[in-house]
Amino acid sequence: MLPTPPDRPSLEQVVRALRVDGVYVQPSLRDRVGPQQEARIEDAVATIAYPVKVVVLGSGTDQRDAGEVLVRLHQVALRDLTVDPAVYLGVDLAAGDLTAHEFDLTTRVGQAIPVAADRAPGLLGRQLVITTTLLSDNTSEGAYHRLTEETGTPVESAPVQSPAGTTAQPQPGGAVDLTAVLVTLAVLAAACLSALWTRRRVGS
């Protein structure tokens, strides 16, 4: 367990800071994300076509994980609003990984994260710069496919979570499978009825 940094702000304070430039770095974590890196992240975030919030926070006293903190931040930002689409990008300090949550958006962040991890392993500040730059330049997909080709094996995109308590939307493939099942059942039922009718005619 990482110790709780003494300067940990409240979620409300972080949300207010994010409204200014979309980026918040806890002062005690400047060894992970320095001022110059933060400035580059801010520049990238400002040019992304959709809202991106970058958050670098330490573990809380209740040891909530990084993903849950992003959900809580969005819940605070959502107050008095019906919809607040955004991508929240954070860091898992214990695991040394980036994590993300999408709210009412579908983006390429899941492809950008593994590319950044490959280019700058263990360097969270550099990974955030790369990830936000890829999203800004709209080059995440191409970089992800090149990474897959270079490794020679499939590279899994980073899991991007939806807010807790929401229901995942059905995928098109699920609808096709259901249709196929219904058609199969209809064919089997017709075959059974045909066989029964034939037996009755023969018996008569």
Protein backbone atom coordinates (compact mmCIF):
# COMPACT_ATOMS: atom_id res chain seq x y z
CA MET A 1 0.00 0.00 0.00
CA LEU A 2 1.31 3.44 -0.90
CA PRO A 3 1.16 6.05 1.88
CA THR A 4 -1.42 8.77 1.48
CA PRO A 5 0.28 11.99 0.32
CA PRO A 6 -0.26 14.79 2.85
CA ASP A 7 -1.45 17.24 0.17
CA ARG A 8 -4.26 15.11 -1.19
CA PRO A 9 -7.09 17.46 -2.21
CA SER A 10 -10.82 16.85 -2.04
CA LEU A 11 -12.63 15.64 -5.14
CA GLU A 12 -14.38 19.01 -5.39
CA GLN A 13 -11.01 20.78 -5.50
CA VAL A 14 -9.78 18.48 -8.25
CA VAL A 15 -12.94 19.02 -10.31
CA ARG A 16 -12.55 22.79 -10.02
CA ALA A 17 -8.95 22.52 -11.20
CA LEU A 18 -9.95 20.30 -14.14
CA ARG A 19 -12.41 22.93 -15.32
CA VAL A 20 -9.49 25.32 -15.88
CA ASP A 21 -7.28 23.31 -18.25
CA GLY A 22 -8.38 19.67 -18.01
CA VAL A 23 -5.30 18.52 -16.06
CA TYR A 24 -4.60 18.07 -12.35
CA VAL A 25 -1.33 16.81 -10.87
CA GLN A 26 -1.03 16.42 -7.13
CA PRO A 27 1.98 18.50 -5.98
CA SER A 28 3.57 15.63 -4.07
CA LEU A 29 3.59 13.56 -7.27
CA ARG A 30 5.71 15.94 -9.33
CA ASP A 31 8.38 13.25 -9.44
CA ARG A 32 5.97 11.28 -11.66
CA VAL A 33 4.66 14.16 -13.80
CA GLY A 34 6.81 17.29 -13.92
CA PRO A 35 5.69 20.85 -14.81
CA GLN A 36 6.99 20.62 -18.38
CA GLN A 37 5.18 17.34 -18.95
CA GLU A 38 2.02 18.82 -17.45
CA ALA A 39 2.25 21.76 -19.85
CA ARG A 40 2.57 19.39 -22.83
CA ILE A 41 -0.41 17.37 -21.61
CA GLU A 42 -2.45 20.56 -21.24
CA ASP A 43 -1.56 21.62 -24.80
CA ALA A 44 -2.61 18.22 -26.17
CA VAL A 45 -5.84 18.11 -24.17
CA ALA A 46 -6.78 21.58 -25.44
CA THR A 47 -6.75 20.34 -29.05
CA ILE A 48 -8.53 16.99 -28.64
CA ALA A 49 -11.93 17.00 -30.31
CA TYR A 50 -13.72 15.76 -27.17
CA PRO A 51 -13.33 16.55 -23.45
CA VAL A 52 -10.40 14.75 -21.80
CA LYS A 53 -9.58 15.09 -18.11
CA VAL A 54 -6.14 13.97 -16.88
CA VAL A 55 -5.83 13.25 -13.17
CA VAL A 56 -2.72 12.28 -11.21
CA LEU A 57 -3.67 11.49 -7.61
CA GLY A 58 -2.28 9.31 -4.86
CA SER A 59 -4.27 6.63 -3.04
CA GLY A 60 -6.93 7.87 -0.65
CA THR A 61 -7.24 7.00 3.00
CA ASP A 62 -9.95 4.50 2.08
CA GLN A 63 -7.61 2.96 -0.54
CA ARG A 64 -10.01 3.48 -3.46
CA ASP A 65 -8.35 2.36 -6.64
CA ALA A 66 -7.52 4.77 -9.46
CA GLY A 67 -10.49 3.73 -11.58
CA GLU A 68 -12.98 4.32 -8.79
CA VAL A 69 -11.51 7.77 -8.14
CA LEU A 70 -12.14 8.71 -11.78
CA VAL A 71 -15.76 7.61 -11.47
CA ARG A 72 -16.18 9.64 -8.28
CA LEU A 73 -14.66 12.70 -9.95
CA HIS A 74 -17.10 12.44 -12.81
CA GLN A 75 -19.99 12.08 -10.38
CA VAL A 76 -18.92 15.32 -8.70
CA ALA A 77 -18.56 17.07 -12.06
CA LEU A 78 -21.99 15.77 -13.11
CA ARG A 79 -23.86 17.51 -10.32
CA ASP A 80 -26.61 19.78 -11.64
CA LEU A 81 -26.10 18.34 -15.13
CA THR A 82 -27.92 15.59 -16.98
CA VAL A 83 -25.00 14.66 -19.25
CA ASP A 84 -21.31 15.50 -19.02
CA PRO A 85 -19.47 13.50 -21.70
CA ALA A 86 -15.77 13.17 -21.03
CA VAL A 87 -12.83 10.80 -20.93
CA TYR A 88 -11.02 10.63 -17.60
CA LEU A 89 -7.41 9.48 -17.82
CA GLY A 90 -5.61 8.62 -14.60
CA VAL A 91 -2.69 6.68 -13.18
CA ASP A 92 -2.49 3.56 -11.07
CA LEU A 93 0.58 4.39 -9.02
CA ALA A 94 0.82 0.95 -7.42
CA ALA A 95 0.68 -0.93 -10.74
CA GLY A 96 2.55 1.73 -12.74
CA ASP A 97 -0.16 1.80 -15.41
CA LEU A 98 -2.53 4.31 -16.93
CA THR A 99 -6.25 3.79 -16.53
CA ALA A 100 -9.23 5.44 -18.20
CA HIS A 101 -12.99 5.78 -17.96
CA GLU A 102 -15.26 6.96 -20.77
CA PHE A 103 -18.55 8.67 -20.01
CA ASP A 104 -21.04 8.96 -22.89
CA LEU A 105 -18.16 8.76 -25.39
CA THR A 106 -16.34 6.10 -27.37
CA THR A 107 -12.74 7.03 -28.15
CA ARG A 108 -9.33 5.56 -29.09
CA VAL A 109 -7.88 5.95 -25.61
CA GLY A 110 -7.81 2.16 -25.16
CA GLN A 111 -5.44 1.90 -28.13
CA ALA A 112 -3.30 4.89 -27.13
CA ILE A 113 -2.52 3.57 -23.64
CA PRO A 114 -0.65 0.36 -24.67
CA VAL A 115 1.32 2.32 -27.28
CA ALA A 116 2.43 4.76 -24.58
CA ALA A 117 3.30 1.91 -22.21
CA ASP A 118 5.44 0.32 -24.90
CA ARG A 119 7.27 3.55 -25.74
CA ALA A 120 7.86 4.68 -22.16
CA PRO A 121 7.62 1.71 -19.77
CA GLY A 122 7.42 2.76 -16.15
CA LEU A 123 7.39 6.50 -16.95
CA LEU A 124 3.86 7.59 -16.16
CA GLY A 125 4.41 11.26 -17.00
CA ARG A 126 5.85 10.41 -20.38
CA GLN A 127 3.03 7.92 -20.99
CA LEU A 128 0.44 10.62 -20.32
CA VAL A 129 2.19 12.93 -22.79
CA ILE A 130 2.23 10.21 -25.47
CA THR A 131 -1.38 9.15 -24.86
CA THR A 132 -2.82 12.65 -25.01
CA THR A 133 -0.66 13.51 -28.05
CA LEU A 134 -1.91 10.44 -29.91
CA LEU A 135 -5.49 11.41 -29.11
CA SER A 136 -4.84 14.99 -30.18
CA ASP A 137 -3.22 13.98 -33.48
CA ASN A 138 -5.85 11.29 -34.05
CA THR A 139 -3.07 8.77 -34.67
CA SER A 140 -3.88 6.24 -31.94
CA GLU A 141 -5.29 3.60 -34.27
CA GLY A 142 -2.33 3.64 -36.67
CA ALA A 143 0.22 3.55 -33.84
CA TYR A 144 -1.66 0.68 -32.19
CA HIS A 145 -1.69 -1.39 -35.39
CA ARG A 146 2.04 -0.74 -35.94
CA LEU A 147 2.73 -1.92 -32.40
CA THR A 148 0.78 -5.12 -33.07
CA GLU A 149 2.74 -5.73 -36.28
CA GLU A 150 6.10 -5.05 -34.63
CA THR A 151 5.50 -7.43 -31.76
CA GLY A 152 4.20 -10.13 -34.08
CA THR A 153 1.51 -11.01 -31.56
CA PRO A 154 -1.85 -9.39 -30.78
CA VAL A 155 -1.54 -6.53 -28.29
CA GLU A 156 -4.62 -6.09 -26.16
CA SER A 157 -6.03 -2.59 -26.02
CA ALA A 158 -6.32 -1.16 -22.54
CA PRO A 159 -9.67 -1.83 -20.85
CA VAL A 160 -11.66 1.38 -20.73
CA GLN A 161 -14.37 1.29 -18.12
CA SER A 162 -17.88 2.72 -18.09
CA PRO A 163 -19.29 4.26 -14.92
CA ALA A 164 -20.36 1.83 -12.23
CA GLY A 165 -24.01 0.91 -12.27
CA THR A 166 -24.55 1.37 -16.00
CA THR A 167 -25.71 -1.39 -18.27
CA ALA A 168 -23.55 -2.25 -21.22
CA GLN A 169 -25.18 -1.70 -24.57
CA PRO A 170 -25.83 -4.88 -26.58
CA GLN A 171 -23.31 -5.49 -29.30
CA PRO A 172 -24.40 -6.04 -32.91
CA GLY A 173 -23.02 -9.56 -32.80
CA GLY A 174 -25.40 -10.42 -29.95
CA ALA A 175 -28.41 -9.45 -32.08
CA VAL A 176 -27.20 -11.60 -34.96
CA ASP A 177 -26.75 -14.58 -32.65
CA LEU A 178 -30.25 -14.18 -31.22
CA THR A 179 -31.75 -14.02 -34.69
CA ALA A 180 -29.92 -17.17 -35.71
CA VAL A 181 -31.21 -19.00 -32.64
CA LEU A 182 -34.80 -17.94 -33.35
CA VAL A 183 -34.54 -19.01 -37.00
CA THR A 184 -33.11 -22.37 -35.96
CA LEU A 185 -35.93 -22.93 -33.47
CA ALA A 186 -38.52 -22.02 -36.11
CA VAL A 187 -37.01 -24.49 -38.58
CA LEU A 188 -36.97 -27.25 -35.96
CA ALA A 189 -40.57 -26.55 -35.00
CA ALA A 190 -41.66 -26.67 -38.64
CA ALA A 191 -39.83 -29.97 -39.12
CA CYS A 192 -41.51 -31.48 -36.08
CA LEU A 193 -44.96 -30.38 -37.23
CA SER A 194 -44.29 -31.74 -40.72
CA ALA A 195 -43.22 -35.12 -39.32
CA LEU A 196 -46.28 -35.27 -37.06
CA TRP A 197 -48.61 -34.45 -39.98
CA THR A 198 -46.97 -37.11 -42.15
CA ARG A 199 -47.38 -39.79 -39.43
CA ARG A 200 -51.05 -38.91 -39.02
CA ARG A 201 -51.71 -39.19 -42.77
CA VAL A 202 -49.92 -42.53 -42.94
CA GLY A 203 -51.88 -43.79 -39.93
CA SER A 204 -55.16 -42.76 -41.51
